[in-house]
Amino acid sequence: MYKSSYTNNSIHSVSLETLPVPNTIAKMPKVSSRKQAIKDLYFMWLYSRIQENQSNLASLNGIPSTATYGSIIFPNNVLLSAQCNRIHGRSALYLRTLLHTMNSRYLGRPLAHLLHPGFNMEWLFSMRDDDFKQSMRTSKEGFHFIYNKIKDHQVFKNSSNSKQVPISHQLALTLERLGSNGNAGSVGKFARNFNVGRGTVISISRRVLEAINSYEKYYIQWPNQNRRYEISQVMRQEGFEECVGFIDGTNFPLYQKPAWQGEVFFDRKKVYSINAQILCDCDKNITAIIAGWPGSCADAMVYRNMGIYRNPRRFFDKGQYLLLDSAYPLTDHLLPAFKAPASNLQINSDFNFCLAKSRVRNKHTIGILKGRWASLKQMRLQLNGQEDINLYVAWIKACCILHNMLANIKDSWDDLSEAEKHDPPTRYQSEAPSPSAEELMARVKATCV
C-alpha cells in the first residue's frame, strides 16, 4: 500500500496496483569501480589464458609463437613451460588479482573526508544583501527570523557527548540546500563548503526540516470565516464573488527513477516525479497542500483524497468555491474551466479567459515556490520505501512553510520566470455535476462574462 499525507496530518492510502504502469525503458544501473575491475580482470585472464594455450600448441608443432613466461624459462620443454605458465604466467597473475578483488569489499580503503578550515558565519553576513539572498534564499532579517523560530526546538537538544554543529550553521546549510538545484545541491558539495561529513549534512537537513515543519499548523492554515470573506471581496472585483482561493497540481521531478515502485512515479512529461496539490489565496499564500503521491496520478484523483473535498462543510460557507482548471470536476465548491467541446462556444471561451486571469495567481505561487526553493525543480533524495516518501513530503512542506513565513514578514521573492507552464490537463473520469453545481456555474458565468 502507498501512503500520502496532507496538512491536517490525516493519512490516506491508495493501492499502487491500481495505478497505470507506463511503458518505460529502464535506465542502465550504475556500475561500481569494483565490479568494473572484476569484469576487466576476468577478460584479461581469459585472453592471456587463450594466448598461453595457443603458444603451447604452437610449440608442440614447432611453430614460432609469442613468447610466454614458461617458454622463456623452459624453451625446449613444452610440458614444463605450460606448468610454469599456470603457476607464474600472466594468466596466473590476473587470476590471483581477480580472486583477491572478488574477496575484497573495496578496491582500496576509502579516503577520509578532507575538511577545510571551518565555515565562517561572520563572512556570510558580511556579504552584500543580494549575494546573501542568492545564497540563503532569504534576506539577513529573514534568516534571523527563521533562526529565532527554530533555535529552541527539542531536536537541537543533544544529550550525547558529541556536540551538534551550531544551529545557525545548520540553518544556513539547510536553507542553501533547499535553494540549490542539480549538482549544486549534492551532499558532497555541502560537506565541503560547511566543514562537515556527508552523513552530517543529511542529519542536519533532517533536524532543520523537523523544526520548520513543527510550524505547519501556524503557517499553512485554511482561511477562517473572516479571511474567506476578505478574499471573496477581492475576487468580487474580478467577477468571482464568493471565490475563496485557487487550486492546481504540480509535479516535483526526481533526479532518478525510484528504486521503490518506480514505474508509478513516471508522469505525463516522461520524467519521474511526485504529485502535489497546492491551494492558495488571492495574496499567493499557500492555504493547504497534499503531497507525496506518484507523478502518474491525475490532479483530480489526488484532490479527492484531501479533507477539503471529503468534508467541504468544514471549509466552505454556502456558495463559496475554488477556481481551477478543466482537469477537475464541477461541484458545489469547485468551479473549473470549460472543457472542449463546450469551451468552443464564445461565452464559455470568454468565461475561461476571465477564470485564467484570476487563477494565474496559483501558477505564480507555485512559480515563486520553485524559484526560491530550487531543489523542488529536481529533488535529489533517495526513494527506496515509505520512509523516504515521508522525507520528500517533509521537504516539500518545509518549503511551503518557509514560503508563507517569509511572505508574512514581507521578505518577497520576485522571480516569476519559473511560473508553471499551462500543460494540457490530465483527464480523470468524474461523475456528472449536481444541479446545484450547474446553478453555481451559470450564476458565476453570468456575473463574470
Protein backbone atom coordinates (compact mmCIF):
# COMPACT_ATOMS: atom_id res chain seq x y z
CA MET A 1 0.00 0.00 0.00
CA TYR A 2 1.06 3.58 -0.66
CA LYS A 3 0.51 6.37 1.88
CA SER A 4 0.17 10.10 1.40
CA SER A 5 -0.37 12.94 3.89
CA TYR A 6 -1.82 16.42 3.88
CA THR A 7 -1.77 19.47 6.09
CA ASN A 8 -4.21 18.42 8.79
CA ASN A 9 -2.00 15.38 9.45
CA SER A 10 -4.58 12.87 8.20
CA ILE A 11 -3.26 9.90 6.25
CA HIS A 12 -4.95 8.19 3.31
CA SER A 13 -3.87 5.15 1.34
CA VAL A 14 -4.10 4.11 -2.27
CA SER A 15 -3.18 0.78 -3.80
CA LEU A 16 -0.25 1.06 -6.17
CA GLU A 17 -1.52 -1.95 -8.11
CA THR A 18 -4.47 0.14 -9.39
CA LEU A 19 -2.28 2.89 -10.83
CA PRO A 20 -1.28 2.95 -14.51
CA VAL A 21 2.13 1.50 -15.32
CA PRO A 22 3.70 3.25 -18.31
CA ASN A 23 5.91 1.68 -20.94
CA THR A 24 9.36 2.93 -19.99
CA ILE A 25 12.89 1.96 -20.83
CA ALA A 26 14.83 1.13 -17.68
CA LYS A 27 17.94 3.16 -17.07
CA MET A 28 21.26 1.31 -17.07
CA PRO A 29 22.36 0.65 -13.50
CA LYS A 30 25.44 2.44 -12.28
CA VAL A 31 28.43 0.04 -12.17
CA SER A 32 30.85 0.40 -9.25
CA SER A 33 34.59 0.61 -9.85
CA ARG A 34 34.98 -2.78 -8.10
CA LYS A 35 32.52 -4.51 -10.44
CA GLN A 36 34.16 -2.91 -13.45
CA ALA A 37 37.60 -4.06 -12.25
CA ILE A 38 36.33 -7.64 -11.79
CA LYS A 39 34.91 -7.62 -15.31
CA ASP A 40 38.14 -6.25 -16.81
CA LEU A 41 40.35 -8.70 -14.89
CA TYR A 42 38.22 -11.64 -16.00
CA PHE A 43 38.59 -10.80 -19.69
CA MET A 44 42.30 -10.11 -19.26
CA TRP A 45 42.74 -13.50 -17.58
CA LEU A 46 40.68 -15.20 -20.30
CA TYR A 47 42.65 -13.54 -23.11
CA SER A 48 46.05 -14.35 -21.57
CA ARG A 49 44.99 -17.96 -20.89
CA ILE A 50 43.96 -18.41 -24.53
CA GLN A 51 47.23 -16.83 -25.65
CA GLU A 52 49.26 -19.21 -23.47
CA ASN A 53 47.35 -22.26 -24.76
CA GLN A 54 47.94 -21.17 -28.35
CA SER A 55 51.64 -20.71 -27.57
CA ASN A 56 51.84 -24.23 -26.08
CA LEU A 57 50.13 -25.76 -29.13
CA ALA A 58 52.44 -23.85 -31.46
CA SER A 59 55.49 -25.11 -29.54
CA LEU A 60 54.29 -28.73 -29.81
CA ASN A 61 54.02 -28.30 -33.59
CA GLY A 62 57.29 -26.44 -33.92
CA ILE A 63 55.59 -23.21 -35.00
CA PRO A 64 57.09 -19.89 -33.83
CA SER A 65 54.74 -18.06 -31.45
CA THR A 66 54.59 -15.20 -28.99
CA ALA A 67 56.96 -15.76 -26.11
CA THR A 68 55.45 -16.56 -22.71
CA TYR A 69 56.94 -16.70 -19.24
CA GLY A 70 57.16 -20.51 -19.41
CA SER A 71 58.63 -20.61 -22.94
CA ILE A 72 61.42 -18.27 -21.84
CA ILE A 73 62.32 -20.37 -18.76
CA PHE A 74 61.85 -23.77 -20.48
CA PRO A 75 62.31 -23.16 -24.22
CA ASN A 76 62.81 -26.87 -25.04
CA ASN A 77 60.19 -28.48 -22.75
CA VAL A 78 56.55 -27.80 -23.61
CA LEU A 79 55.12 -29.55 -20.52
CA LEU A 80 57.33 -27.66 -18.06
CA SER A 81 56.62 -24.44 -19.96
CA ALA A 82 52.85 -24.98 -19.63
CA GLN A 83 53.13 -25.78 -15.90
CA CYS A 84 55.27 -22.68 -15.38
CA ASN A 85 52.68 -20.53 -17.15
CA ARG A 86 49.88 -21.91 -14.97
CA ILE A 87 51.81 -21.00 -11.80
CA HIS A 88 53.82 -17.91 -12.71
CA GLY A 89 52.49 -16.73 -16.09
CA ARG A 90 50.49 -13.65 -16.92
CA SER A 91 47.18 -15.54 -16.69
CA ALA A 92 48.10 -16.73 -13.20
CA LEU A 93 48.85 -13.15 -12.14
CA TYR A 94 45.50 -11.97 -13.49
CA LEU A 95 43.71 -14.88 -11.81
CA ARG A 96 45.25 -14.13 -8.39
CA THR A 97 44.38 -10.45 -8.75
CA LEU A 98 40.84 -11.34 -9.85
CA LEU A 99 40.28 -13.65 -6.85
CA HIS A 100 41.71 -11.07 -4.46
CA THR A 101 39.40 -8.37 -5.87
CA MET A 102 36.35 -10.62 -5.65
CA ASN A 103 37.14 -11.36 -2.00
CA SER A 104 37.62 -7.68 -1.13
CA ARG A 105 34.81 -5.28 -0.30
CA TYR A 106 36.63 -2.24 -1.70
CA LEU A 107 39.35 -1.72 -4.28
CA GLY A 108 41.13 0.31 -1.65
CA ARG A 109 40.42 1.78 1.75
CA PRO A 110 38.06 4.77 1.35
CA LEU A 111 39.77 8.10 1.85
CA ALA A 112 38.86 10.08 4.92
CA HIS A 113 36.73 13.18 4.35
CA LEU A 114 39.02 16.18 3.98
CA LEU A 115 37.78 19.29 5.76
CA HIS A 116 38.68 22.87 5.05
CA PRO A 117 39.25 25.33 7.95
CA GLY A 118 35.61 25.93 9.06
CA PHE A 119 32.51 27.68 7.79
CA ASN A 120 32.52 31.36 8.67
CA MET A 121 29.13 32.85 9.59
CA GLU A 122 30.73 36.27 10.01
CA TRP A 123 31.91 36.11 6.41
CA LEU A 124 28.42 35.04 5.30
CA PHE A 125 26.78 38.05 6.95
CA SER A 126 29.40 40.41 5.55
CA MET A 127 28.19 39.59 2.03
CA ARG A 128 26.16 42.11 0.04
CA ASP A 129 22.43 41.78 0.64
CA ASP A 130 21.79 40.49 -2.90
CA ASP A 131 24.56 37.89 -2.63
CA PHE A 132 23.32 36.77 0.77
CA LYS A 133 19.78 36.36 -0.55
CA GLN A 134 21.00 34.43 -3.57
CA SER A 135 22.83 32.02 -1.27
CA MET A 136 20.35 31.70 1.64
CA ARG A 137 17.17 32.40 -0.42
CA THR A 138 16.15 34.98 2.17
CA SER A 139 17.32 38.33 3.50
CA LYS A 140 19.53 38.66 6.56
CA GLU A 141 16.47 39.75 8.54
CA GLY A 142 14.58 36.72 7.26
CA PHE A 143 17.43 34.43 8.30
CA HIS A 144 17.33 35.84 11.85
CA PHE A 145 13.55 35.45 11.91
CA ILE A 146 13.70 31.76 10.96
CA TYR A 147 16.59 31.17 13.36
CA ASN A 148 14.66 32.65 16.30
CA LYS A 149 11.68 30.47 15.42
CA ILE A 150 13.56 27.15 15.44
CA LYS A 151 16.50 27.64 17.84
CA ASP A 152 14.65 26.31 20.90
CA HIS A 153 13.24 23.22 19.18
CA GLN A 154 13.83 19.96 21.03
CA VAL A 155 15.58 18.40 18.02
CA PHE A 156 18.62 20.61 18.69
CA LYS A 157 18.92 19.46 22.31
CA ASN A 158 21.78 16.97 22.43
CA SER A 159 22.32 14.68 25.43
CA SER A 160 25.31 12.83 23.96
CA ASN A 161 28.99 13.72 24.33
CA SER A 162 29.19 14.61 20.63
CA LYS A 163 28.21 18.25 20.16
CA GLN A 164 25.99 19.35 17.31
CA VAL A 165 27.08 21.89 14.75
CA PRO A 166 25.89 25.39 15.83
CA ILE A 167 22.21 25.90 14.98
CA SER A 168 22.98 28.92 12.79
CA HIS A 169 25.32 26.73 10.70
CA GLN A 170 22.66 24.01 10.47
CA LEU A 171 20.06 26.52 9.30
CA ALA A 172 22.44 28.08 6.75
CA LEU A 173 23.31 24.67 5.32
CA THR A 174 19.67 23.59 5.04
CA LEU A 175 18.41 26.85 3.52
CA GLU A 176 21.12 26.78 0.87
CA ARG A 177 20.43 23.11 0.20
CA LEU A 178 16.69 23.78 -0.18
CA GLY A 179 17.55 26.54 -2.63
CA SER A 180 20.05 24.59 -4.74
CA ASN A 181 19.25 22.68 -7.92
CA GLY A 182 21.09 19.91 -9.77
CA ASN A 183 24.72 19.17 -8.88
CA ALA A 184 24.83 22.36 -6.82
CA GLY A 185 22.59 20.56 -4.32
CA SER A 186 24.76 17.47 -3.90
CA VAL A 187 25.56 16.27 -0.40
CA GLY A 188 29.31 16.24 -1.15
CA LYS A 189 29.30 19.91 -2.11
CA PHE A 190 27.71 20.94 1.18
CA ALA A 191 30.01 18.65 3.15
CA ARG A 192 33.00 20.51 1.72
CA ASN A 193 31.55 24.01 1.99
CA PHE A 194 30.30 23.67 5.56
CA ASN A 195 33.18 21.69 7.03
CA VAL A 196 31.13 18.60 7.95
CA GLY A 197 30.88 14.97 6.85
CA ARG A 198 28.38 13.75 4.29
CA GLY A 199 26.32 11.90 6.90
CA THR A 200 26.23 15.06 9.00
CA VAL A 201 24.79 17.02 6.05
CA ILE A 202 21.88 14.57 5.91
CA SER A 203 21.35 14.61 9.69
CA ILE A 204 21.47 18.41 9.82
CA SER A 205 18.94 18.73 6.99
CA ARG A 206 16.51 16.37 8.69
CA ARG A 207 16.79 18.19 12.02
CA VAL A 208 16.10 21.60 10.48
CA LEU A 209 13.23 20.22 8.37
CA GLU A 210 11.66 18.77 11.52
CA ALA A 211 11.98 22.11 13.32
CA ILE A 212 10.47 24.05 10.40
CA ASN A 213 7.63 21.55 9.94
CA SER A 214 6.64 21.98 13.59
CA TYR A 215 5.21 25.36 12.48
CA GLU A 216 2.94 23.86 9.84
CA LYS A 217 -0.30 24.48 11.73
CA TYR A 218 0.69 28.13 12.26
CA TYR A 219 1.75 28.98 8.72
CA ILE A 220 -0.27 26.70 6.43
CA GLN A 221 -3.79 27.48 7.54
CA TRP A 222 -7.11 27.27 5.80
CA PRO A 223 -8.61 30.80 5.93
CA ASN A 224 -11.17 31.33 8.67
CA GLN A 225 -14.60 32.80 8.01
CA ASN A 226 -13.43 36.42 8.21
CA ARG A 227 -10.46 35.80 5.95
CA ARG A 228 -12.62 33.97 3.41
CA TYR A 229 -14.92 37.00 3.32
CA GLU A 230 -11.91 39.28 2.65
CA ILE A 231 -10.75 37.03 -0.21
CA SER A 232 -14.24 36.91 -1.72
CA GLN A 233 -14.43 40.71 -1.64
CA VAL A 234 -11.18 40.96 -3.58
CA MET A 235 -12.39 38.39 -6.11
CA ARG A 236 -15.75 40.14 -6.41
CA GLN A 237 -13.99 42.91 -8.36
CA GLU A 238 -12.97 40.29 -10.94
CA GLY A 239 -16.44 38.79 -11.27
CA PHE A 240 -15.89 35.85 -8.91
CA GLU A 241 -17.74 36.79 -5.74
CA GLU A 242 -17.60 34.02 -3.12
CA CYS A 243 -14.34 32.67 -4.57
CA VAL A 244 -12.08 31.90 -1.59
CA GLY A 245 -8.99 30.50 -3.29
CA PHE A 246 -7.36 28.58 -6.10
CA ILE A 247 -6.04 25.06 -6.52
CA ASP A 248 -3.68 23.49 -9.01
CA GLY A 249 -1.50 20.44 -9.21
CA THR A 250 2.24 20.46 -9.74
CA ASN A 251 4.87 17.77 -10.08
CA PHE A 252 8.23 17.80 -8.31
CA PRO A 253 10.71 15.95 -10.58
CA LEU A 254 13.08 13.33 -9.14
CA TYR A 255 16.69 13.14 -10.29
CA GLN A 256 16.50 9.40 -10.91
CA LYS A 257 14.00 6.55 -11.14
CA PRO A 258 12.89 5.48 -7.64
CA ALA A 259 14.08 2.06 -6.54
CA TRP A 260 10.67 1.53 -4.90
CA GLN A 261 7.61 1.24 -7.18
CA GLY A 262 9.47 3.32 -9.75
CA GLU A 263 7.05 2.92 -12.67
CA VAL A 264 4.11 4.66 -10.98
CA PHE A 265 6.17 7.83 -10.49
CA PHE A 266 6.56 8.23 -14.29
CA ASP A 267 4.41 11.23 -15.26
CA ARG A 268 2.91 12.66 -18.46
CA LYS A 269 6.07 14.72 -19.08
CA LYS A 270 8.03 11.45 -19.21
CA VAL A 271 10.00 12.11 -16.03
CA TYR A 272 9.80 10.56 -12.58
CA SER A 273 8.08 12.88 -10.13
CA ILE A 274 5.92 13.37 -7.05
CA ASN A 275 2.49 14.98 -7.39
CA ALA A 276 1.23 17.71 -5.06
CA GLN A 277 -1.93 19.78 -4.90
CA ILE A 278 -1.36 23.36 -3.77
CA LEU A 279 -4.14 25.71 -2.69
CA CYS A 280 -3.54 29.44 -2.31
CA ASP A 281 -5.43 32.67 -1.67
CA CYS A 282 -5.55 35.95 -3.58
CA ASP A 283 -2.29 37.09 -1.91
CA LYS A 284 -0.39 33.96 -3.03
CA ASN A 285 -0.24 32.49 0.46
CA ILE A 286 -0.40 28.69 0.49
CA THR A 287 -3.51 27.66 2.42
CA ALA A 288 -3.35 23.86 2.05
CA ILE A 289 -1.21 21.20 0.42
CA ILE A 290 -1.28 17.48 -0.16
CA ALA A 291 1.98 15.91 -1.34
CA GLY A 292 3.62 12.54 -1.75
CA TRP A 293 1.52 10.94 -4.47
CA PRO A 294 3.19 9.40 -7.56
CA GLY A 295 3.56 11.65 -10.58
CA SER A 296 1.33 9.40 -12.70
CA CYS A 297 -1.72 10.28 -10.58
CA ALA A 298 -4.25 12.73 -12.04
CA ASP A 299 -4.67 16.01 -10.16
CA ALA A 300 -8.37 15.43 -9.58
CA MET A 301 -7.74 12.00 -8.09
CA VAL A 302 -5.19 13.38 -5.62
CA TYR A 303 -7.54 16.23 -4.68
CA ARG A 304 -10.30 13.73 -3.89
CA ASN A 305 -8.14 12.43 -1.04
CA MET A 306 -7.97 15.81 0.72
CA GLY A 307 -10.15 16.56 3.70
CA ILE A 308 -11.33 19.73 1.95
CA TYR A 309 -13.05 17.56 -0.69
CA ARG A 310 -14.36 14.89 1.66
CA ASN A 311 -15.75 17.31 4.25
CA PRO A 312 -16.45 20.60 2.43
CA ARG A 313 -18.81 21.98 5.09
CA ARG A 314 -15.85 22.27 7.43
CA PHE A 315 -14.00 24.52 4.97
CA PHE A 316 -16.66 26.45 3.00
CA ASP A 317 -19.69 28.56 3.75
CA LYS A 318 -22.67 28.16 1.45
CA GLY A 319 -21.88 29.39 -2.07
CA GLN A 320 -18.10 29.60 -1.59
CA TYR A 321 -15.85 27.88 -4.11
CA LEU A 322 -12.34 27.48 -5.57
CA LEU A 323 -11.20 28.30 -9.10
CA LEU A 324 -9.27 25.63 -11.01
CA ASP A 325 -8.52 24.26 -14.47
CA SER A 326 -10.59 21.89 -16.57
CA ALA A 327 -8.90 18.77 -15.15
CA TYR A 328 -11.15 18.97 -12.08
CA PRO A 329 -14.87 18.19 -11.80
CA LEU A 330 -17.59 20.79 -11.37
CA THR A 331 -19.02 20.55 -7.83
CA ASP A 332 -20.77 22.81 -5.34
CA HIS A 333 -17.37 24.14 -4.24
CA LEU A 334 -15.17 23.68 -7.35
CA LEU A 335 -15.52 25.94 -10.37
CA PRO A 336 -13.31 24.67 -13.22
CA ALA A 337 -12.74 25.99 -16.74
CA PHE A 338 -14.91 24.54 -19.50
CA LYS A 339 -13.59 21.53 -21.39
CA ALA A 340 -13.88 21.08 -25.15
CA PRO A 341 -16.27 20.99 -26.96
CA ALA A 342 -18.18 23.28 -24.54
CA SER A 343 -15.20 25.65 -24.46
CA ASN A 344 -15.66 26.29 -28.20
CA LEU A 345 -18.76 28.38 -27.50
CA GLN A 346 -17.88 32.09 -27.38
CA ILE A 347 -19.50 32.73 -24.00
CA ASN A 348 -17.69 29.77 -22.45
CA SER A 349 -14.42 30.83 -24.06
CA ASP A 350 -14.84 34.31 -22.57
CA PHE A 351 -15.52 32.76 -19.17
CA ASN A 352 -12.37 30.62 -19.43
CA PHE A 353 -10.36 33.75 -20.24
CA CYS A 354 -11.69 35.55 -17.14
CA LEU A 355 -11.06 32.49 -14.99
CA ALA A 356 -7.49 32.10 -16.29
CA LYS A 357 -6.66 35.74 -15.50
CA SER A 358 -7.71 35.25 -11.87
CA ARG A 359 -6.39 31.72 -11.47
CA VAL A 360 -2.90 32.69 -12.65
CA ARG A 361 -2.21 33.58 -9.01
CA ASN A 362 -1.84 29.88 -8.31
CA LYS A 363 0.64 29.47 -11.17
CA HIS A 364 2.63 32.40 -9.79
CA THR A 365 2.54 30.93 -6.28
CA ILE A 366 3.99 27.64 -7.48
CA GLY A 367 6.50 29.51 -9.64
CA ILE A 368 7.71 31.59 -6.68
CA LEU A 369 7.89 28.45 -4.53
CA LYS A 370 10.05 26.57 -7.05
CA GLY A 371 12.05 29.66 -7.95
CA ARG A 372 13.05 30.37 -4.38
CA TRP A 373 13.48 26.76 -3.25
CA ALA A 374 15.10 25.45 -6.43
CA SER A 375 15.68 21.96 -5.00
CA LEU A 376 12.00 21.35 -5.85
CA LYS A 377 12.88 21.51 -9.55
CA GLN A 378 14.80 18.24 -9.24
CA MET A 379 14.71 16.57 -5.85
CA ARG A 380 17.96 14.76 -5.10
CA LEU A 381 16.77 12.31 -2.45
CA GLN A 382 16.71 8.53 -2.42
CA LEU A 383 13.33 6.82 -2.75
CA ASN A 384 13.64 3.26 -1.51
CA GLY A 385 10.48 2.94 0.58
CA GLN A 386 7.68 4.64 2.53
CA GLU A 387 10.13 6.30 4.95
CA ASP A 388 11.75 8.10 2.03
CA ILE A 389 8.33 9.30 0.84
CA ASN A 390 7.83 10.84 4.29
CA LEU A 391 11.13 12.70 3.87
CA TYR A 392 10.02 14.00 0.46
CA VAL A 393 6.76 15.25 2.00
CA ALA A 394 8.66 16.90 4.88
CA TRP A 395 11.00 18.58 2.37
CA ILE A 396 8.14 19.93 0.22
CA LYS A 397 6.09 21.09 3.20
CA ALA A 398 9.09 22.85 4.76
CA CYS A 399 9.50 24.86 1.55
CA CYS A 400 5.80 25.78 1.65
CA ILE A 401 6.02 26.83 5.30
CA LEU A 402 9.06 28.99 4.55
CA HIS A 403 7.18 30.48 1.58
CA ASN A 404 4.39 31.70 3.88
CA MET A 405 6.67 32.53 6.80
CA LEU A 406 8.81 34.88 4.73
CA ALA A 407 5.79 36.36 2.91
CA ASN A 408 4.34 37.31 6.31
CA ILE A 409 7.40 39.46 7.08
CA LYS A 410 7.39 40.97 3.56
CA ASP A 411 10.53 39.08 2.52
CA SER A 412 9.49 38.77 -1.10
CA TRP A 413 10.87 36.73 -3.97
CA ASP A 414 10.18 38.44 -7.26
CA ASP A 415 11.45 35.88 -9.77
CA LEU A 416 8.40 34.70 -11.72
CA SER A 417 10.45 33.22 -14.55
CA GLU A 418 9.78 29.79 -13.10
CA ALA A 419 5.99 30.14 -13.16
CA GLU A 420 4.24 26.93 -14.05
CA LYS A 421 3.52 26.41 -17.73
CA HIS A 422 -0.02 25.62 -18.75
CA ASP A 423 0.16 21.94 -19.71
CA PRO A 424 -2.78 20.05 -21.14
CA PRO A 425 -4.75 18.77 -18.13
CA THR A 426 -4.72 15.09 -17.27
CA ARG A 427 -8.20 13.70 -17.78
CA TYR A 428 -9.84 11.97 -14.87
CA GLN A 429 -13.19 10.22 -15.04
CA SER A 430 -15.66 12.05 -12.80
CA GLU A 431 -19.38 11.88 -12.13
CA ALA A 432 -21.84 14.33 -13.67
CA PRO A 433 -22.15 17.65 -11.79
CA SER A 434 -25.09 18.11 -9.45
CA PRO A 435 -27.90 20.58 -10.29
CA SER A 436 -26.62 22.94 -7.58
CA ALA A 437 -23.14 22.85 -9.16
CA GLU A 438 -24.62 23.64 -12.57
CA GLU A 439 -26.54 26.51 -10.99
CA LEU A 440 -23.32 27.84 -9.43
CA MET A 441 -21.57 27.76 -12.81
CA ALA A 442 -24.43 29.58 -14.54
CA ARG A 443 -24.62 32.26 -11.84
CA VAL A 444 -20.87 32.97 -11.80
CA LYS A 445 -20.63 32.89 -15.60
CA ALA A 446 -23.43 35.45 -15.88
CA THR A 447 -21.61 37.74 -13.43
CA CYS A 448 -18.17 37.33 -14.95
CA VAL A 449 -18.82 37.50 -18.69
